PDB file of N, CA and C in Angstrom:
ATOM      1  N   MET A   1     -77.883 -56.880 -38.210  1.00  0.00           N
ATOM      2  CA  MET A   1     -77.422 -55.975 -37.180  1.00  0.00           C
ATOM      3  C   MET A   1     -78.488 -54.914 -36.956  1.00  0.00           C
ATOM      4  N   SER A   2     -78.778 -54.598 -35.710  1.00  0.00           N
ATOM      5  CA  SER A   2     -79.844 -53.631 -35.437  1.00  0.00           C
ATOM      6  C   SER A   2     -79.344 -52.194 -35.634  1.00  0.00           C
ATOM      7  N   GLU A   3     -80.283 -51.373 -36.000  1.00  0.00           N
ATOM      8  CA  GLU A   3     -80.025 -49.967 -36.293  1.00  0.00           C
ATOM      9  C   GLU A   3     -79.675 -49.192 -35.020  1.00  0.00           C
ATOM     10  N   ILE A   4     -78.849 -48.184 -35.152  1.00  0.00           N
ATOM     11  CA  ILE A   4     -78.566 -47.246 -34.087  1.00  0.00           C
ATOM     12  C   ILE A   4     -79.345 -45.973 -34.368  1.00  0.00           C
ATOM     13  N   ILE A   5     -80.156 -45.550 -33.388  1.00  0.00           N
ATOM     14  CA  ILE A   5     -80.973 -44.344 -33.535  1.00  0.00           C
ATOM     15  C   ILE A   5     -80.476 -43.315 -32.527  1.00  0.00           C
ATOM     16  N   ARG A   6     -80.184 -42.138 -32.992  1.00  0.00           N
ATOM     17  CA  ARG A   6     -79.681 -41.063 -32.109  1.00  0.00           C
ATOM     18  C   ARG A   6     -80.753 -39.964 -32.053  1.00  0.00           C
ATOM     19  N   LEU A   7     -81.059 -39.524 -30.850  1.00  0.00           N
ATOM     20  CA  LEU A   7     -82.084 -38.494 -30.641  1.00  0.00           C
ATOM     21  C   LEU A   7     -81.406 -37.216 -30.124  1.00  0.00           C
ATOM     22  N   GLU A   8     -81.875 -36.103 -30.633  1.00  0.00           N
ATOM     23  CA  GLU A   8     -81.382 -34.782 -30.239  1.00  0.00           C
ATOM     24  C   GLU A   8     -79.865 -34.750 -30.368  1.00  0.00           C
ATOM     25  N   VAL A   9     -79.410 -34.943 -31.603  1.00  0.00           N
ATOM     26  CA  VAL A   9     -77.990 -35.003 -31.923  1.00  0.00           C
ATOM     27  C   VAL A   9     -77.408 -33.597 -31.919  1.00  0.00           C
ATOM     28  N   GLY A  10     -76.309 -33.453 -31.196  1.00  0.00           N
ATOM     29  CA  GLY A  10     -75.589 -32.198 -31.152  1.00  0.00           C
ATOM     30  C   GLY A  10     -74.174 -32.359 -31.691  1.00  0.00           C
ATOM     31  N   LYS A  11     -73.410 -31.334 -31.632  1.00  0.00           N
ATOM     32  CA  LYS A  11     -72.042 -31.354 -32.130  1.00  0.00           C
ATOM     33  C   LYS A  11     -71.176 -32.314 -31.308  1.00  0.00           C
ATOM     34  N   ARG A  12     -71.406 -32.336 -29.999  1.00  0.00           N
ATOM     35  CA  ARG A  12     -70.542 -33.114 -29.102  1.00  0.00           C
ATOM     36  C   ARG A  12     -71.195 -34.426 -28.661  1.00  0.00           C
ATOM     37  N   MET A  13     -72.505 -34.487 -28.598  1.00  0.00           N
ATOM     38  CA  MET A  13     -73.170 -35.683 -28.085  1.00  0.00           C
ATOM     39  C   MET A  13     -74.630 -35.703 -28.514  1.00  0.00           C
ATOM     40  N   SER A  14     -75.222 -36.888 -28.374  1.00  0.00           N
ATOM     41  CA  SER A  14     -76.669 -37.053 -28.561  1.00  0.00           C
ATOM     42  C   SER A  14     -77.276 -37.175 -27.159  1.00  0.00           C
ATOM     43  N   ASN A  15     -78.492 -36.677 -26.987  1.00  0.00           N
ATOM     44  CA  ASN A  15     -79.132 -36.791 -25.687  1.00  0.00           C
ATOM     45  C   ASN A  15     -79.608 -38.203 -25.385  1.00  0.00           C
ATOM     46  N   ALA A  16     -79.868 -38.987 -26.438  1.00  0.00           N
ATOM     47  CA  ALA A  16     -80.254 -40.396 -26.274  1.00  0.00           C
ATOM     48  C   ALA A  16     -79.787 -41.189 -27.469  1.00  0.00           C
ATOM     49  N   VAL A  17     -79.413 -42.430 -27.236  1.00  0.00           N
ATOM     50  CA  VAL A  17     -79.042 -43.346 -28.289  1.00  0.00           C
ATOM     51  C   VAL A  17     -79.777 -44.658 -28.019  1.00  0.00           C
ATOM     52  N   ILE A  18     -80.417 -45.190 -29.071  1.00  0.00           N
ATOM     53  CA  ILE A  18     -81.175 -46.432 -28.968  1.00  0.00           C
ATOM     54  C   ILE A  18     -80.513 -47.502 -29.831  1.00  0.00           C
ATOM     55  N   HIS A  19     -80.254 -48.639 -29.244  1.00  0.00           N
ATOM     56  CA  HIS A  19     -79.680 -49.755 -29.992  1.00  0.00           C
ATOM     57  C   HIS A  19     -80.096 -51.045 -29.327  1.00  0.00           C
ATOM     58  N   GLY A  20     -80.544 -51.996 -30.118  1.00  0.00           N
ATOM     59  CA  GLY A  20     -80.903 -53.306 -29.582  1.00  0.00           C
ATOM     60  C   GLY A  20     -81.989 -53.251 -28.524  1.00  0.00           C
ATOM     61  N   GLY A  21     -82.893 -52.318 -28.630  1.00  0.00           N
ATOM     62  CA  GLY A  21     -83.996 -52.191 -27.667  1.00  0.00           C
ATOM     63  C   GLY A  21     -83.626 -51.557 -26.356  1.00  0.00           C
ATOM     64  N   ILE A  22     -82.415 -50.985 -26.263  1.00  0.00           N
ATOM     65  CA  ILE A  22     -81.961 -50.308 -25.051  1.00  0.00           C
ATOM     66  C   ILE A  22     -81.805 -48.813 -25.357  1.00  0.00           C
ATOM     67  N   VAL A  23     -82.342 -48.006 -24.471  1.00  0.00           N
ATOM     68  CA  VAL A  23     -82.240 -46.535 -24.565  1.00  0.00           C
ATOM     69  C   VAL A  23     -81.153 -46.116 -23.583  1.00  0.00           C
ATOM     70  N   ARG A  24     -80.157 -45.407 -24.093  1.00  0.00           N
ATOM     71  CA  ARG A  24     -79.086 -44.901 -23.244  1.00  0.00           C
ATOM     72  C   ARG A  24     -79.140 -43.385 -23.273  1.00  0.00           C
ATOM     73  N   LEU A  25     -79.325 -42.788 -22.109  1.00  0.00           N
ATOM     74  CA  LEU A  25     -79.378 -41.342 -22.036  1.00  0.00           C
ATOM     75  C   LEU A  25     -78.005 -40.789 -21.680  1.00  0.00           C
ATOM     76  N   ALA A  26     -77.722 -39.602 -22.202  1.00  0.00           N
ATOM     77  CA  ALA A  26     -76.518 -38.862 -21.806  1.00  0.00           C
ATOM     78  C   ALA A  26     -76.696 -38.472 -20.336  1.00  0.00           C
ATOM     79  N   GLY A  27     -75.630 -37.986 -19.752  1.00  0.00           N
ATOM     80  CA  GLY A  27     -75.725 -37.470 -18.386  1.00  0.00           C
ATOM     81  C   GLY A  27     -76.674 -36.276 -18.361  1.00  0.00           C
ATOM     82  N   ILE A  28     -77.646 -36.340 -17.480  1.00  0.00           N
ATOM     83  CA  ILE A  28     -78.675 -35.282 -17.385  1.00  0.00           C
ATOM     84  C   ILE A  28     -78.407 -34.448 -16.143  1.00  0.00           C
ATOM     85  N   VAL A  29     -78.384 -33.143 -16.306  1.00  0.00           N
ATOM     86  CA  VAL A  29     -78.210 -32.210 -15.193  1.00  0.00           C
ATOM     87  C   VAL A  29     -79.429 -31.291 -15.110  1.00  0.00           C
ATOM     88  N   GLY A  30     -79.617 -30.704 -13.946  1.00  0.00           N
ATOM     89  CA  GLY A  30     -80.698 -29.749 -13.759  1.00  0.00           C
ATOM     90  C   GLY A  30     -80.245 -28.320 -14.035  1.00  0.00           C
ATOM     91  N   GLU A  31     -81.168 -27.406 -13.878  1.00  0.00           N
ATOM     92  CA  GLU A  31     -80.828 -26.001 -14.034  1.00  0.00           C
ATOM     93  C   GLU A  31     -79.873 -25.576 -12.922  1.00  0.00           C
ATOM     94  N   PRO A  32     -78.734 -24.998 -13.283  1.00  0.00           N
ATOM     95  CA  PRO A  32     -77.798 -24.567 -12.232  1.00  0.00           C
ATOM     96  C   PRO A  32     -78.409 -23.475 -11.358  1.00  0.00           C
ATOM     97  N   GLY A  33     -77.962 -23.430 -10.124  1.00  0.00           N
ATOM     98  CA  GLY A  33     -78.406 -22.371  -9.206  1.00  0.00           C
ATOM     99  C   GLY A  33     -79.363 -22.865  -8.154  1.00  0.00           C
ATOM    100  N   GLY A  34     -80.130 -23.887  -8.436  1.00  0.00           N
ATOM    101  CA  GLY A  34     -81.042 -24.425  -7.434  1.00  0.00           C
ATOM    102  C   GLY A  34     -80.312 -25.370  -6.478  1.00  0.00           C
ATOM    103  N   ASP A  35     -80.994 -25.763  -5.402  1.00  0.00           N
ATOM    104  CA  ASP A  35     -80.410 -26.741  -4.488  1.00  0.00           C
ATOM    105  C   ASP A  35     -80.489 -28.126  -5.119  1.00  0.00           C
ATOM    106  N   VAL A  36     -79.915 -29.122  -4.487  1.00  0.00           N
ATOM    107  CA  VAL A  36     -79.850 -30.446  -5.065  1.00  0.00           C
ATOM    108  C   VAL A  36     -81.234 -31.050  -5.264  1.00  0.00           C
ATOM    109  N   GLY A  37     -82.200 -30.721  -4.386  1.00  0.00           N
ATOM    110  CA  GLY A  37     -83.542 -31.222  -4.587  1.00  0.00           C
ATOM    111  C   GLY A  37     -84.159 -30.695  -5.877  1.00  0.00           C
ATOM    112  N   GLN A  38     -84.034 -29.403  -6.125  1.00  0.00           N
ATOM    113  CA  GLN A  38     -84.558 -28.811  -7.352  1.00  0.00           C
ATOM    114  C   GLN A  38     -83.836 -29.330  -8.575  1.00  0.00           C
ATOM    115  N   GLN A  39     -82.516 -29.431  -8.507  1.00  0.00           N
ATOM    116  CA  GLN A  39     -81.768 -29.942  -9.633  1.00  0.00           C
ATOM    117  C   GLN A  39     -82.132 -31.412  -9.916  1.00  0.00           C
ATOM    118  N   THR A  40     -82.364 -32.193  -8.865  1.00  0.00           N
ATOM    119  CA  THR A  40     -82.795 -33.570  -9.083  1.00  0.00           C
ATOM    120  C   THR A  40     -84.172 -33.629  -9.738  1.00  0.00           C
ATOM    121  N   ARG A  41     -85.095 -32.798  -9.304  1.00  0.00           N
ATOM    122  CA  ARG A  41     -86.424 -32.740  -9.949  1.00  0.00           C
ATOM    123  C   ARG A  41     -86.278 -32.364 -11.414  1.00  0.00           C
ATOM    124  N   ASP A  42     -85.426 -31.394 -11.721  1.00  0.00           N
ATOM    125  CA  ASP A  42     -85.181 -30.997 -13.110  1.00  0.00           C
ATOM    126  C   ASP A  42     -84.640 -32.193 -13.935  1.00  0.00           C
ATOM    127  N   CYS A  43     -83.666 -32.884 -13.366  1.00  0.00           N
ATOM    128  CA  CYS A  43     -83.074 -34.067 -14.058  1.00  0.00           C
ATOM    129  C   CYS A  43     -84.146 -35.079 -14.352  1.00  0.00           C
ATOM    130  N   LEU A  44     -84.969 -35.408 -13.338  1.00  0.00           N
ATOM    131  CA  LEU A  44     -85.958 -36.469 -13.518  1.00  0.00           C
ATOM    132  C   LEU A  44     -87.039 -36.073 -14.502  1.00  0.00           C
ATOM    133  N   ALA A  45     -87.412 -34.799 -14.554  1.00  0.00           N
ATOM    134  CA  ALA A  45     -88.379 -34.332 -15.570  1.00  0.00           C
ATOM    135  C   ALA A  45     -87.789 -34.485 -16.952  1.00  0.00           C
ATOM    136  N   GLU A  46     -86.518 -34.170 -17.128  1.00  0.00           N
ATOM    137  CA  GLU A  46     -85.863 -34.322 -18.421  1.00  0.00           C
ATOM    138  C   GLU A  46     -85.727 -35.792 -18.802  1.00  0.00           C
ATOM    139  N   ILE A  47     -85.440 -36.631 -17.828  1.00  0.00           N
ATOM    140  CA  ILE A  47     -85.380 -38.087 -18.074  1.00  0.00           C
ATOM    141  C   ILE A  47     -86.739 -38.592 -18.541  1.00  0.00           C
ATOM    142  N   ASP A  48     -87.804 -38.176 -17.861  1.00  0.00           N
ATOM    143  CA  ASP A  48     -89.148 -38.567 -18.298  1.00  0.00           C
ATOM    144  C   ASP A  48     -89.387 -38.159 -19.741  1.00  0.00           C
ATOM    145  N   ARG A  49     -89.011 -36.939 -20.101  1.00  0.00           N
ATOM    146  CA  ARG A  49     -89.229 -36.423 -21.457  1.00  0.00           C
ATOM    147  C   ARG A  49     -88.447 -37.238 -22.500  1.00  0.00           C
ATOM    148  N   LEU A  50     -87.167 -37.463 -22.204  1.00  0.00           N
ATOM    149  CA  LEU A  50     -86.337 -38.200 -23.158  1.00  0.00           C
ATOM    150  C   LEU A  50     -86.758 -39.645 -23.292  1.00  0.00           C
ATOM    151  N   LEU A  51     -87.125 -40.294 -22.181  1.00  0.00           N
ATOM    152  CA  LEU A  51     -87.597 -41.677 -22.263  1.00  0.00           C
ATOM    153  C   LEU A  51     -88.861 -41.769 -23.111  1.00  0.00           C
ATOM    154  N   ALA A  52     -89.772 -40.836 -22.930  1.00  0.00           N
ATOM    155  CA  ALA A  52     -91.010 -40.834 -23.735  1.00  0.00           C
ATOM    156  C   ALA A  52     -90.668 -40.656 -25.210  1.00  0.00           C
ATOM    157  N   LEU A  53     -89.768 -39.750 -25.508  1.00  0.00           N
ATOM    158  CA  LEU A  53     -89.333 -39.531 -26.884  1.00  0.00           C
ATOM    159  C   LEU A  53     -88.724 -40.793 -27.513  1.00  0.00           C
ATOM    160  N   ALA A  54     -88.067 -41.594 -26.659  1.00  0.00           N
ATOM    161  CA  ALA A  54     -87.427 -42.826 -27.124  1.00  0.00           C
ATOM    162  C   ALA A  54     -88.336 -44.045 -27.060  1.00  0.00           C
ATOM    163  N   GLY A  55     -89.576 -43.875 -26.649  1.00  0.00           N
ATOM    164  CA  GLY A  55     -90.508 -44.991 -26.585  1.00  0.00           C
ATOM    165  C   GLY A  55     -90.322 -45.833 -25.340  1.00  0.00           C
ATOM    166  N   SER A  56     -90.027 -45.195 -24.222  1.00  0.00           N
ATOM    167  CA  SER A  56     -89.862 -45.898 -22.947  1.00  0.00           C
ATOM    168  C   SER A  56     -90.430 -45.053 -21.837  1.00  0.00           C
ATOM    169  N   ASP A  57     -90.254 -45.504 -20.611  1.00  0.00           N
ATOM    170  CA  ASP A  57     -90.678 -44.704 -19.438  1.00  0.00           C
ATOM    171  C   ASP A  57     -89.919 -45.190 -18.213  1.00  0.00           C
ATOM    172  N   LYS A  58     -90.133 -44.532 -17.097  1.00  0.00           N
ATOM    173  CA  LYS A  58     -89.344 -44.824 -15.902  1.00  0.00           C
ATOM    174  C   LYS A  58     -89.588 -46.215 -15.326  1.00  0.00           C
ATOM    175  N   THR A  59     -90.670 -46.878 -15.694  1.00  0.00           N
ATOM    176  CA  THR A  59     -90.881 -48.248 -15.218  1.00  0.00           C
ATOM    177  C   THR A  59     -89.972 -49.238 -15.943  1.00  0.00           C
ATOM    178  N   ARG A  60     -89.278 -48.782 -16.988  1.00  0.00           N
ATOM    179  CA  ARG A  60     -88.453 -49.658 -17.801  1.00  0.00           C
ATOM    180  C   ARG A  60     -86.947 -49.367 -17.627  1.00  0.00           C
ATOM    181  N   ILE A  61     -86.632 -48.541 -16.632  1.00  0.00           N
ATOM    182  CA  ILE A  61     -85.220 -48.208 -16.371  1.00  0.00           C
ATOM    183  C   ILE A  61     -84.518 -49.445 -15.864  1.00  0.00           C
ATOM    184  N   LEU A  62     -83.391 -49.749 -16.476  1.00  0.00           N
ATOM    185  CA  LEU A  62     -82.583 -50.898 -16.077  1.00  0.00           C
ATOM    186  C   LEU A  62     -81.481 -50.506 -15.088  1.00  0.00           C
ATOM    187  N   ARG A  63     -80.870 -49.347 -15.346  1.00  0.00           N
ATOM    188  CA  ARG A  63     -79.723 -48.931 -14.539  1.00  0.00           C
ATOM    189  C   ARG A  63     -79.704 -47.420 -14.448  1.00  0.00           C
ATOM    190  N   ALA A  64     -79.369 -46.919 -13.267  1.00  0.00           N
ATOM    191  CA  ALA A  64     -79.171 -45.497 -13.038  1.00  0.00           C
ATOM    192  C   ALA A  64     -77.786 -45.282 -12.409  1.00  0.00           C
ATOM    193  N   GLN A  65     -77.089 -44.304 -12.901  1.00  0.00           N
ATOM    194  CA  GLN A  65     -75.824 -43.905 -12.316  1.00  0.00           C
ATOM    195  C   GLN A  65     -75.981 -42.442 -11.918  1.00  0.00           C
ATOM    196  N   ILE A  66     -75.776 -42.150 -10.644  1.00  0.00           N
ATOM    197  CA  ILE A  66     -76.013 -40.828 -10.117  1.00  0.00           C
ATOM    198  C   ILE A  66     -74.692 -40.283  -9.580  1.00  0.00           C
ATOM    199  N   TRP A  67     -74.345 -39.084  -9.994  1.00  0.00           N
ATOM    200  CA  TRP A  67     -73.150 -38.394  -9.516  1.00  0.00           C
ATOM    201  C   TRP A  67     -73.570 -37.157  -8.751  1.00  0.00           C
ATOM    202  N   LEU A  68     -73.058 -37.027  -7.536  1.00  0.00           N
ATOM    203  CA  LEU A  68     -73.299 -35.854  -6.710  1.00  0.00           C
ATOM    204  C   LEU A  68     -72.002 -35.099  -6.515  1.00  0.00           C
ATOM    205  N   ALA A  69     -72.056 -33.791  -6.543  1.00  0.00           N
ATOM    206  CA  ALA A  69     -70.875 -32.967  -6.302  1.00  0.00           C
ATOM    207  C   ALA A  69     -70.399 -33.097  -4.863  1.00  0.00           C
ATOM    208  N   ASP A  70     -71.335 -33.272  -3.914  1.00  0.00           N
ATOM    209  CA  ASP A  70     -71.005 -33.443  -2.498  1.00  0.00           C
ATOM    210  C   ASP A  70     -71.922 -34.508  -1.920  1.00  0.00           C
ATOM    211  N   ILE A  71     -71.498 -35.756  -1.910  1.00  0.00           N
ATOM    212  CA  ILE A  71     -72.331 -36.865  -1.502  1.00  0.00           C
ATOM    213  C   ILE A  71     -72.718 -36.760  -0.031  1.00  0.00           C
ATOM    214  N   ASN A  72     -71.815 -36.290   0.811  1.00  0.00           N
ATOM    215  CA  ASN A  72     -72.112 -36.186   2.248  1.00  0.00           C
ATOM    216  C   ASN A  72     -73.229 -35.171   2.508  1.00  0.00           C
ATOM    217  N   ARG A  73     -73.215 -34.069   1.795  1.00  0.00           N
ATOM    218  CA  ARG A  73     -74.213 -33.039   1.983  1.00  0.00           C
ATOM    219  C   ARG A  73     -75.545 -33.369   1.311  1.00  0.00           C
ATOM    220  N   ASP A  74     -75.501 -33.965   0.120  1.00  0.00           N
ATOM    221  CA  ASP A  74     -76.673 -33.989  -0.745  1.00  0.00           C
ATOM    222  C   ASP A  74     -77.338 -35.368  -0.942  1.00  0.00           C
ATOM    223  N   PHE A  75     -76.754 -36.448  -0.442  1.00  0.00           N
ATOM    224  CA  PHE A  75     -77.291 -37.777  -0.680  1.00  0.00           C
ATOM    225  C   PHE A  75     -78.738 -37.912  -0.188  1.00  0.00           C
ATOM    226  N   GLY A  76     -79.027 -37.462   1.016  1.00  0.00           N
ATOM    227  CA  GLY A  76     -80.380 -37.579   1.577  1.00  0.00           C
ATOM    228  C   GLY A  76     -81.400 -36.769   0.808  1.00  0.00           C
ATOM    229  N   ALA A  77     -81.068 -35.541   0.432  1.00  0.00           N
ATOM    230  CA  ALA A  77     -82.008 -34.673  -0.289  1.00  0.00           C
ATOM    231  C   ALA A  77     -82.280 -35.228  -1.686  1.00  0.00           C
ATOM    232  N   MET A  78     -81.223 -35.718  -2.361  1.00  0.00           N
ATOM    233  CA  MET A  78     -81.423 -36.294  -3.678  1.00  0.00           C
ATOM    234  C   MET A  78     -82.309 -37.542  -3.571  1.00  0.00           C
ATOM    235  N   ASN A  79     -82.024 -38.393  -2.585  1.00  0.00           N
ATOM    236  CA  ASN A  79     -82.825 -39.628  -2.402  1.00  0.00           C
ATOM    237  C   ASN A  79     -84.275 -39.329  -2.089  1.00  0.00           C
ATOM    238  N   ALA A  80     -84.541 -38.251  -1.365  1.00  0.00           N
ATOM    239  CA  ALA A  80     -85.935 -37.900  -1.042  1.00  0.00           C
ATOM    240  C   ALA A  80     -86.722 -37.631  -2.331  1.00  0.00           C
ATOM    241  N   VAL A  81     -86.096 -36.935  -3.283  1.00  0.00           N
ATOM    242  CA  VAL A  81     -86.733 -36.655  -4.556  1.00  0.00           C
ATOM    243  C   VAL A  81     -86.823 -37.938  -5.400  1.00  0.00           C
ATOM    244  N   TRP A  82     -85.735 -38.659  -5.493  1.00  0.00           N
ATOM    245  CA  TRP A  82     -85.686 -39.930  -6.248  1.00  0.00           C
ATOM    246  C   TRP A  82     -86.762 -40.875  -5.770  1.00  0.00           C
ATOM    247  N   ASP A  83     -86.862 -41.075  -4.453  1.00  0.00           N
ATOM    248  CA  ASP A  83     -87.823 -42.026  -3.881  1.00  0.00           C
ATOM    249  C   ASP A  83     -89.266 -41.683  -4.221  1.00  0.00           C
ATOM    250  N   GLY A  84     -89.561 -40.395  -4.361  1.00  0.00           N
ATOM    251  CA  GLY A  84     -90.903 -39.979  -4.744  1.00  0.00           C
ATOM    252  C   GLY A  84     -91.182 -40.128  -6.230  1.00  0.00           C
ATOM    253  N   TRP A  85     -90.137 -40.274  -6.998  1.00  0.00           N
ATOM    254  CA  TRP A  85     -90.269 -40.371  -8.463  1.00  0.00           C
ATOM    255  C   TRP A  85     -90.258 -41.803  -8.969  1.00  0.00           C
ATOM    256  N   VAL A  86     -89.346 -42.611  -8.484  1.00  0.00           N
ATOM    257  CA  VAL A  86     -89.202 -43.968  -9.023  1.00  0.00           C
ATOM    258  C   VAL A  86     -90.355 -44.856  -8.549  1.00  0.00           C
ATOM    259  N   PRO A  87     -91.038 -45.543  -9.457  1.00  0.00           N
ATOM    260  CA  PRO A  87     -92.169 -46.376  -9.060  1.00  0.00           C
ATOM    261  C   PRO A  87     -91.705 -47.605  -8.257  1.00  0.00           C
ATOM    262  N   GLN A  88     -92.283 -47.801  -7.092  1.00  0.00           N
ATOM    263  CA  GLN A  88     -91.955 -48.963  -6.309  1.00  0.00           C
ATOM    264  C   GLN A  88     -92.246 -50.235  -7.103  1.00  0.00           C
ATOM    265  N   GLY A  89     -91.390 -51.205  -6.970  1.00  0.00           N
ATOM    266  CA  GLY A  89     -91.530 -52.403  -7.769  1.00  0.00           C
ATOM    267  C   GLY A  89     -90.813 -52.309  -9.103  1.00  0.00           C
ATOM    268  N   HIS A  90     -90.353 -51.102  -9.453  1.00  0.00           N
ATOM    269  CA  HIS A  90     -89.625 -50.870 -10.720  1.00  0.00           C
ATOM    270  C   HIS A  90     -88.292 -50.203 -10.468  1.00  0.00           C
ATOM    271  N   THR A  91     -87.753 -50.352  -9.280  1.00  0.00           N
ATOM    272  CA  THR A  91     -86.461 -49.697  -8.984  1.00  0.00           C
ATOM    273  C   THR A  91     -85.356 -50.352  -9.796  1.00  0.00           C
ATOM    274  N   PRO A  92     -84.506 -49.521 -10.417  1.00  0.00           N
ATOM    275  CA  PRO A  92     -83.431 -50.074 -11.261  1.00  0.00           C
ATOM    276  C   PRO A  92     -82.215 -50.438 -10.432  1.00  0.00           C
ATOM    277  N   ALA A  93     -81.289 -51.129 -11.032  1.00  0.00           N
ATOM    278  CA  ALA A  93     -79.935 -51.226 -10.460  1.00  0.00           C
ATOM    279  C   ALA A  93     -79.404 -49.791 -10.433  1.00  0.00           C
ATOM    280  N   ARG A  94     -78.690 -49.437  -9.349  1.00  0.00           N
ATOM    281  CA  ARG A  94     -78.285 -48.037  -9.210  1.00  0.00           C
ATOM    282  C   ARG A  94     -76.945 -47.929  -8.522  1.00  0.00           C
ATOM    283  N   ALA A  95     -76.162 -46.987  -8.943  1.00  0.00           N
ATOM    284  CA  ALA A  95     -74.915 -46.645  -8.286  1.00  0.00           C
ATOM    285  C   ALA A  95     -74.912 -45.138  -8.072  1.00  0.00           C
ATOM    286  N   THR A  96     -74.423 -44.689  -6.923  1.00  0.00           N
ATOM    287  CA  THR A  96     -74.321 -43.274  -6.623  1.00  0.00           C
ATOM    288  C   THR A  96     -72.914 -43.000  -6.145  1.00  0.00           C
ATOM    289  N   GLY A  97     -72.309 -41.946  -6.673  1.00  0.00           N
ATOM    290  CA  GLY A  97     -70.953 -41.593  -6.271  1.00  0.00           C
ATOM    291  C   GLY A  97     -70.772 -40.082  -6.263  1.00  0.00           C
ATOM    292  N   GLU A  98     -69.608 -39.691  -5.867  1.00  0.00           N
ATOM    293  CA  GLU A  98     -69.262 -38.275  -5.832  1.00  0.00           C
ATOM    294  C   GLU A  98     -68.295 -37.971  -6.956  1.00  0.00           C
ATOM    295  N   ALA A  99     -68.503 -36.853  -7.625  1.00  0.00           N
ATOM    296  CA  ALA A  99     -67.615 -36.449  -8.726  1.00  0.00           C
ATOM    297  C   ALA A  99     -67.578 -34.929  -8.831  1.00  0.00           C
ATOM    298  N   LYS A 100     -66.511 -34.460  -9.348  1.00  0.00           N
ATOM    299  CA  LYS A 100     -66.440 -33.044  -9.732  1.00  0.00           C
ATOM    300  C   LYS A 100     -67.179 -32.918 -11.061  1.00  0.00           C
ATOM    301  N   LEU A 101     -68.310 -32.194 -11.063  1.00  0.00           N
ATOM    302  CA  LEU A 101     -69.133 -32.096 -12.272  1.00  0.00           C
ATOM    303  C   LEU A 101     -68.637 -30.971 -13.161  1.00  0.00           C
ATOM    304  N   ALA A 102     -69.264 -30.773 -14.301  1.00  0.00           N
ATOM    305  CA  ALA A 102     -68.791 -29.861 -15.348  1.00  0.00           C
ATOM    306  C   ALA A 102     -68.544 -28.449 -14.851  1.00  0.00           C
ATOM    307  N   THR A 103     -69.415 -27.941 -13.990  1.00  0.00           N
ATOM    308  CA  THR A 103     -69.214 -26.635 -13.369  1.00  0.00           C
ATOM    309  C   THR A 103     -69.642 -26.749 -11.901  1.00  0.00           C
ATOM    310  N   PRO A 104     -69.154 -25.858 -11.053  1.00  0.00           N
ATOM    311  CA  PRO A 104     -69.540 -25.908  -9.642  1.00  0.00           C
ATOM    312  C   PRO A 104     -71.033 -25.673  -9.395  1.00  0.00           C
ATOM    313  N   ASP A 105     -71.743 -25.127 -10.385  1.00  0.00           N
ATOM    314  CA  ASP A 105     -73.174 -24.879 -10.246  1.00  0.00           C
ATOM    315  C   ASP A 105     -74.012 -26.167 -10.336  1.00  0.00           C
ATOM    316  N   TYR A 106     -73.446 -27.217 -10.928  1.00  0.00           N
ATOM    317  CA  TYR A 106     -74.142 -28.494 -11.042  1.00  0.00           C
ATOM    318  C   TYR A 106     -73.895 -29.315  -9.789  1.00  0.00           C
ATOM    319  N   LEU A 107     -74.969 -29.773  -9.195  1.00  0.00           N
ATOM    320  CA  LEU A 107     -74.895 -30.540  -7.948  1.00  0.00           C
ATOM    321  C   LEU A 107     -75.194 -32.010  -8.153  1.00  0.00           C
ATOM    322  N   VAL A 108     -75.879 -32.362  -9.240  1.00  0.00           N
ATOM    323  CA  VAL A 108     -76.246 -33.753  -9.508  1.00  0.00           C
ATOM    324  C   VAL A 108     -76.286 -33.984 -11.019  1.00  0.00           C
ATOM    325  N   GLU A 109     -75.883 -35.185 -11.412  1.00  0.00           N
ATOM    326  CA  GLU A 109     -75.955 -35.623 -12.798  1.00  0.00           C
ATOM    327  C   GLU A 109     -76.437 -37.070 -12.777  1.00  0.00           C
ATOM    328  N   ILE A 110     -77.399 -37.385 -13.643  1.00  0.00           N
ATOM    329  CA  ILE A 110     -77.974 -38.727 -13.652  1.00  0.00           C
ATOM    330  C   ILE A 110     -77.856 -39.320 -15.067  1.00  0.00           C
ATOM    331  N   ILE A 111     -77.395 -40.564 -15.138  1.00  0.00           N
ATOM    332  CA  ILE A 111     -77.247 -41.293 -16.383  1.00  0.00           C
ATOM    333  C   ILE A 111     -78.173 -42.524 -16.331  1.00  0.00           C
ATOM    334  N   ILE A 112     -78.943 -42.745 -17.364  1.00  0.00           N
ATOM    335  CA  ILE A 112     -79.969 -43.798 -17.372  1.00  0.00           C
ATOM    336  C   ILE A 112     -79.807 -44.700 -18.581  1.00  0.00           C
ATOM    337  N   ASP A 113     -80.000 -46.006 -18.361  1.00  0.00           N
ATOM    338  CA  ASP A 113     -80.214 -47.001 -19.401  1.00  0.00           C
ATOM    339  C   ASP A 113     -81.588 -47.608 -19.179  1.00  0.00           C
ATOM    340  N   ALA A 114     -82.390 -47.720 -20.225  1.00  0.00           N
ATOM    341  CA  ALA A 114     -83.744 -48.259 -20.085  1.00  0.00           C
ATOM    342  C   ALA A 114     -84.092 -49.142 -21.294  1.00  0.00           C
ATOM    343  N   ALA A 115     -85.007 -50.060 -21.089  1.00  0.00           N
ATOM    344  CA  ALA A 115     -85.509 -50.876 -22.170  1.00  0.00           C
ATOM    345  C   ALA A 115     -86.619 -50.102 -22.896  1.00  0.00           C
ATOM    346  N   GLN A 116     -86.675 -50.280 -24.192  1.00  0.00           N
ATOM    347  CA  GLN A 116     -87.784 -49.702 -24.949  1.00  0.00           C
ATOM    348  C   GLN A 116     -89.064 -50.496 -24.645  1.00  0.00           C
ATOM    349  N   ALA A 117     -90.177 -49.840 -24.780  1.00  0.00           N
ATOM    350  CA  ALA A 117     -91.466 -50.502 -24.546  1.00  0.00           C
ATOM    351  C   ALA A 117     -91.793 -51.455 -25.676  1.00  0.00           C
TER     352      ALA A 117
END
């Protein structure tokens, strides 16, 4: 049976869990207060950092789940940032939906599964 590795373990959750060569990130949010573009950039920078810590990178993302507080207002702006970040030819399976996030200050949350390098 393969080992489970937890990174940045906290009281309530780990920021990343690795098992069977798959890296699973917790839901990543940006700094509250900015617009959805800035929060998306914050999320993606944190995803880059956590994937590197786990021995992976954005070219190895298998699946992305994106939650927006207001999909009608923010879908285009979030996609503009996403499209500039995700490497063409390495786009993951992706789902985007609308959800009430942890606080009204959060506009976007991104959950990632990636293969280890």
